[in-house]
Amino acid sequence: MTRLNLILFMVLIVTALGVITSQHKSRKLYIELQQQEDAAKQYDVEWGQLQLEQSTWAMHARIEQIANQRLHMQVPDAKRVQVVTRGAQP
């Protein structure tokens, strides 16, 4: 009878160690999941900021101002603008 009790006790110890190990792994994975979700939220915020910055840099008025100041370009008069179509015949 003592031999059976000893075997059952060993099985109990091994099972308890398995439960502890699986709980530890589960907690580590949950912490990693939370960190990845926090990083994803931060990337979403950064993406929004970059889109806002891009739209600011590409504003028509800003481009026109830079073309005027740095490149000394000016908008032509309406009389000087000629629209060319793709299928135009000379």
N, C-alpha and C. Protein backbone atom coordinates (compact mmCIF):
# COMPACT_ATOMS: atom_id res chain seq x y z
N MET A 1 0.81 -1.19 0.00
CA MET A 1 0.00 0.00 0.00
C MET A 1 0.85 1.25 0.00
N THR A 2 1.97 1.22 0.70
CA THR A 2 2.83 2.40 0.76
C THR A 2 3.46 2.69 -0.60
N ARG A 3 3.68 1.63 -1.35
CA ARG A 3 4.25 1.82 -2.68
C ARG A 3 3.27 2.57 -3.57
N LEU A 4 1.99 2.25 -3.51
CA LEU A 4 0.95 2.94 -4.27
C LEU A 4 0.84 4.39 -3.83
N ASN A 5 0.90 4.61 -2.52
CA ASN A 5 0.85 5.98 -2.01
C ASN A 5 2.05 6.79 -2.51
N LEU A 6 3.21 6.20 -2.55
CA LEU A 6 4.41 6.88 -3.02
C LEU A 6 4.29 7.23 -4.51
N ILE A 7 3.77 6.31 -5.31
CA ILE A 7 3.58 6.57 -6.74
C ILE A 7 2.55 7.69 -6.94
N LEU A 8 1.46 7.63 -6.21
CA LEU A 8 0.44 8.67 -6.32
C LEU A 8 0.98 10.03 -5.86
N PHE A 9 1.81 10.03 -4.85
CA PHE A 9 2.42 11.27 -4.37
C PHE A 9 3.34 11.86 -5.44
N MET A 10 4.11 11.02 -6.11
CA MET A 10 5.00 11.49 -7.18
C MET A 10 4.18 12.05 -8.35
N VAL A 11 3.11 11.38 -8.72
CA VAL A 11 2.24 11.87 -9.79
C VAL A 11 1.65 13.22 -9.39
N LEU A 12 1.26 13.38 -8.15
CA LEU A 12 0.72 14.63 -7.65
C LEU A 12 1.76 15.75 -7.75
N ILE A 13 3.01 15.47 -7.39
CA ILE A 13 4.08 16.47 -7.46
C ILE A 13 4.33 16.88 -8.91
N VAL A 14 4.41 15.91 -9.81
CA VAL A 14 4.66 16.21 -11.22
C VAL A 14 3.51 17.02 -11.81
N THR A 15 2.29 16.66 -11.47
CA THR A 15 1.13 17.40 -11.96
C THR A 15 1.13 18.83 -11.42
N ALA A 16 1.45 19.02 -10.16
CA ALA A 16 1.50 20.35 -9.57
C ALA A 16 2.58 21.20 -10.24
N LEU A 17 3.73 20.61 -10.51
CA LEU A 17 4.79 21.35 -11.21
C LEU A 17 4.36 21.71 -12.62
N GLY A 18 3.62 20.83 -13.29
CA GLY A 18 3.10 21.13 -14.63
C GLY A 18 2.12 22.29 -14.60
N VAL A 19 1.26 22.33 -13.61
CA VAL A 19 0.29 23.42 -13.47
C VAL A 19 1.02 24.74 -13.23
N ILE A 20 2.00 24.71 -12.35
CA ILE A 20 2.77 25.93 -12.05
C ILE A 20 3.49 26.43 -13.29
N THR A 21 4.10 25.51 -14.04
CA THR A 21 4.82 25.90 -15.25
C THR A 21 3.88 26.50 -16.29
N SER A 22 2.73 25.88 -16.48
CA SER A 22 1.79 26.39 -17.48
C SER A 22 1.22 27.75 -17.07
N GLN A 23 0.97 27.96 -15.79
CA GLN A 23 0.50 29.27 -15.32
C GLN A 23 1.57 30.34 -15.53
N HIS A 24 2.81 30.00 -15.27
CA HIS A 24 3.90 30.95 -15.47
C HIS A 24 4.02 31.34 -16.94
N LYS A 25 3.97 30.36 -17.82
CA LYS A 25 4.04 30.65 -19.26
C LYS A 25 2.85 31.50 -19.70
N SER A 26 1.68 31.18 -19.18
CA SER A 26 0.48 31.93 -19.52
C SER A 26 0.62 33.40 -19.10
N ARG A 27 1.13 33.65 -17.92
CA ARG A 27 1.33 35.02 -17.45
C ARG A 27 2.35 35.77 -18.29
N LYS A 28 3.43 35.08 -18.64
CA LYS A 28 4.44 35.73 -19.49
C LYS A 28 3.87 36.10 -20.84
N LEU A 29 3.08 35.20 -21.45
CA LEU A 29 2.48 35.48 -22.74
C LEU A 29 1.46 36.61 -22.66
N TYR A 30 0.71 36.68 -21.56
CA TYR A 30 -0.26 37.75 -21.39
C TYR A 30 0.43 39.10 -21.25
N ILE A 31 1.53 39.14 -20.52
CA ILE A 31 2.30 40.38 -20.38
C ILE A 31 2.85 40.81 -21.74
N GLU A 32 3.34 39.86 -22.51
CA GLU A 32 3.85 40.18 -23.84
C GLU A 32 2.72 40.69 -24.75
N LEU A 33 1.55 40.09 -24.65
CA LEU A 33 0.40 40.55 -25.43
C LEU A 33 0.05 41.99 -25.08
N GLN A 34 0.04 42.32 -23.80
CA GLN A 34 -0.26 43.68 -23.37
C GLN A 34 0.79 44.67 -23.91
N GLN A 35 2.03 44.28 -23.90
CA GLN A 35 3.09 45.15 -24.42
C GLN A 35 2.91 45.37 -25.92
N GLN A 36 2.56 44.31 -26.65
CA GLN A 36 2.36 44.44 -28.09
C GLN A 36 1.15 45.31 -28.41
N GLU A 37 0.10 45.20 -27.62
CA GLU A 37 -1.08 46.05 -27.83
C GLU A 37 -0.75 47.51 -27.54
N ASP A 38 0.04 47.78 -26.51
CA ASP A 38 0.46 49.14 -26.21
C ASP A 38 1.31 49.71 -27.35
N ALA A 39 2.19 48.89 -27.88
CA ALA A 39 3.02 49.33 -29.01
C ALA A 39 2.15 49.62 -30.23
N ALA A 40 1.15 48.79 -30.48
CA ALA A 40 0.26 49.02 -31.62
C ALA A 40 -0.51 50.33 -31.47
N LYS A 41 -0.96 50.62 -30.25
CA LYS A 41 -1.64 51.89 -30.01
C LYS A 41 -0.71 53.06 -30.26
N GLN A 42 0.52 52.94 -29.82
CA GLN A 42 1.50 54.02 -30.02
C GLN A 42 1.78 54.20 -31.52
N TYR A 43 1.87 53.10 -32.27
CA TYR A 43 2.10 53.20 -33.71
C TYR A 43 0.91 53.87 -34.41
N ASP A 44 -0.30 53.59 -33.94
CA ASP A 44 -1.47 54.24 -34.52
C ASP A 44 -1.43 55.75 -34.29
N VAL A 45 -1.03 56.16 -33.09
CA VAL A 45 -0.93 57.59 -32.79
C VAL A 45 0.14 58.23 -33.68
N GLU A 46 1.28 57.57 -33.79
CA GLU A 46 2.37 58.11 -34.62
C GLU A 46 1.95 58.18 -36.09
N TRP A 47 1.21 57.18 -36.57
CA TRP A 47 0.74 57.18 -37.96
C TRP A 47 -0.18 58.37 -38.20
N GLY A 48 -1.07 58.63 -37.27
CA GLY A 48 -1.96 59.78 -37.40
C GLY A 48 -1.19 61.09 -37.44
N GLN A 49 -0.17 61.20 -36.60
CA GLN A 49 0.64 62.41 -36.59
C GLN A 49 1.40 62.57 -37.90
N LEU A 50 1.90 61.48 -38.44
CA LEU A 50 2.62 61.56 -39.72
C LEU A 50 1.69 61.93 -40.87
N GLN A 51 0.47 61.42 -40.86
CA GLN A 51 -0.48 61.80 -41.90
C GLN A 51 -0.83 63.28 -41.81
N LEU A 52 -0.99 63.78 -40.59
CA LEU A 52 -1.27 65.20 -40.41
C LEU A 52 -0.10 66.05 -40.88
N GLU A 53 1.10 65.62 -40.56
CA GLU A 53 2.29 66.35 -40.99
C GLU A 53 2.41 66.34 -42.52
N GLN A 54 2.13 65.21 -43.13
CA GLN A 54 2.21 65.12 -44.58
C GLN A 54 1.19 66.04 -45.24
N SER A 55 -0.01 66.09 -44.72
CA SER A 55 -1.02 66.97 -45.31
C SER A 55 -0.64 68.43 -45.12
N THR A 56 0.03 68.75 -44.02
CA THR A 56 0.48 70.13 -43.81
C THR A 56 1.57 70.50 -44.80
N TRP A 57 2.52 69.60 -45.02
CA TRP A 57 3.62 69.88 -45.95
C TRP A 57 3.12 69.98 -47.39
N ALA A 58 2.05 69.30 -47.72
CA ALA A 58 1.57 69.25 -49.10
C ALA A 58 0.45 70.26 -49.39
N MET A 59 0.21 71.20 -48.49
CA MET A 59 -0.85 72.19 -48.72
C MET A 59 -0.51 73.04 -49.94
N HIS A 60 -1.53 73.33 -50.73
CA HIS A 60 -1.33 74.07 -51.98
C HIS A 60 -0.72 75.45 -51.71
N ALA A 61 -1.21 76.15 -50.70
CA ALA A 61 -0.70 77.49 -50.41
C ALA A 61 0.77 77.45 -50.03
N ARG A 62 1.18 76.44 -49.29
CA ARG A 62 2.58 76.33 -48.88
C ARG A 62 3.47 76.07 -50.09
N ILE A 63 3.03 75.18 -50.97
CA ILE A 63 3.82 74.87 -52.16
C ILE A 63 3.94 76.10 -53.06
N GLU A 64 2.84 76.82 -53.18
CA GLU A 64 2.87 78.03 -54.01
C GLU A 64 3.80 79.08 -53.40
N GLN A 65 3.79 79.20 -52.08
CA GLN A 65 4.68 80.16 -51.41
C GLN A 65 6.15 79.79 -51.62
N ILE A 66 6.49 78.52 -51.49
CA ILE A 66 7.87 78.08 -51.68
C ILE A 66 8.29 78.28 -53.14
N ALA A 67 7.39 77.97 -54.07
CA ALA A 67 7.71 78.17 -55.49
C ALA A 67 7.96 79.64 -55.78
N ASN A 68 7.21 80.49 -55.15
CA ASN A 68 7.37 81.93 -55.36
C ASN A 68 8.66 82.45 -54.73
N GLN A 69 8.93 82.07 -53.49
CA GLN A 69 10.08 82.61 -52.76
C GLN A 69 11.41 82.00 -53.20
N ARG A 70 11.48 80.69 -53.24
CA ARG A 70 12.77 80.03 -53.51
C ARG A 70 13.07 79.91 -55.00
N LEU A 71 12.06 79.62 -55.79
CA LEU A 71 12.28 79.36 -57.21
C LEU A 71 11.90 80.55 -58.10
N HIS A 72 11.38 81.58 -57.47
CA HIS A 72 10.97 82.79 -58.19
C HIS A 72 9.98 82.47 -59.30
N MET A 73 9.06 81.58 -59.03
CA MET A 73 8.03 81.22 -59.99
C MET A 73 6.78 82.03 -59.68
N GLN A 74 5.99 82.30 -60.72
CA GLN A 74 4.74 83.04 -60.55
C GLN A 74 3.65 82.34 -61.33
N VAL A 75 2.42 82.53 -60.88
CA VAL A 75 1.27 81.96 -61.58
C VAL A 75 1.05 82.79 -62.84
N PRO A 76 0.95 82.16 -64.00
CA PRO A 76 0.76 82.93 -65.24
C PRO A 76 -0.64 83.53 -65.31
N ASP A 77 -0.76 84.57 -66.12
CA ASP A 77 -2.07 85.17 -66.36
C ASP A 77 -2.96 84.15 -67.05
N ALA A 78 -4.26 84.36 -66.90
CA ALA A 78 -5.22 83.45 -67.53
C ALA A 78 -5.11 83.49 -69.05
N LYS A 79 -4.69 84.63 -69.61
CA LYS A 79 -4.54 84.76 -71.06
C LYS A 79 -3.39 83.90 -71.59
N ARG A 80 -2.41 83.65 -70.74
CA ARG A 80 -1.22 82.92 -71.18
C ARG A 80 -1.34 81.41 -70.96
N VAL A 81 -2.41 80.97 -70.32
CA VAL A 81 -2.59 79.55 -70.04
C VAL A 81 -3.23 78.88 -71.25
N GLN A 82 -2.63 77.81 -71.69
CA GLN A 82 -3.15 77.07 -72.84
C GLN A 82 -3.34 75.62 -72.42
N VAL A 83 -4.53 75.11 -72.62
CA VAL A 83 -4.86 73.74 -72.23
C VAL A 83 -4.63 72.85 -73.44
N VAL A 84 -3.86 71.81 -73.27
CA VAL A 84 -3.55 70.88 -74.35
C VAL A 84 -4.25 69.57 -74.04
N THR A 85 -5.04 69.11 -75.00
CA THR A 85 -5.72 67.83 -74.81
C THR A 85 -4.91 66.72 -75.45
N ARG A 86 -5.22 65.54 -75.09
CA ARG A 86 -4.41 64.39 -75.54
C ARG A 86 -4.59 64.10 -77.03
N GLY A 87 -5.77 64.18 -77.52
CA GLY A 87 -6.03 63.81 -78.91
C GLY A 87 -6.05 65.03 -79.83
N ALA A 88 -5.36 66.09 -79.48
CA ALA A 88 -5.40 67.31 -80.29
C ALA A 88 -4.63 67.12 -81.59
N GLN A 89 -5.20 67.63 -82.68
CA GLN A 89 -4.57 67.59 -84.00
C GLN A 89 -3.98 68.97 -84.29
N PRO A 90 -2.79 69.09 -84.88
CA PRO A 90 -2.21 70.42 -85.18
C PRO A 90 -2.90 71.11 -86.33
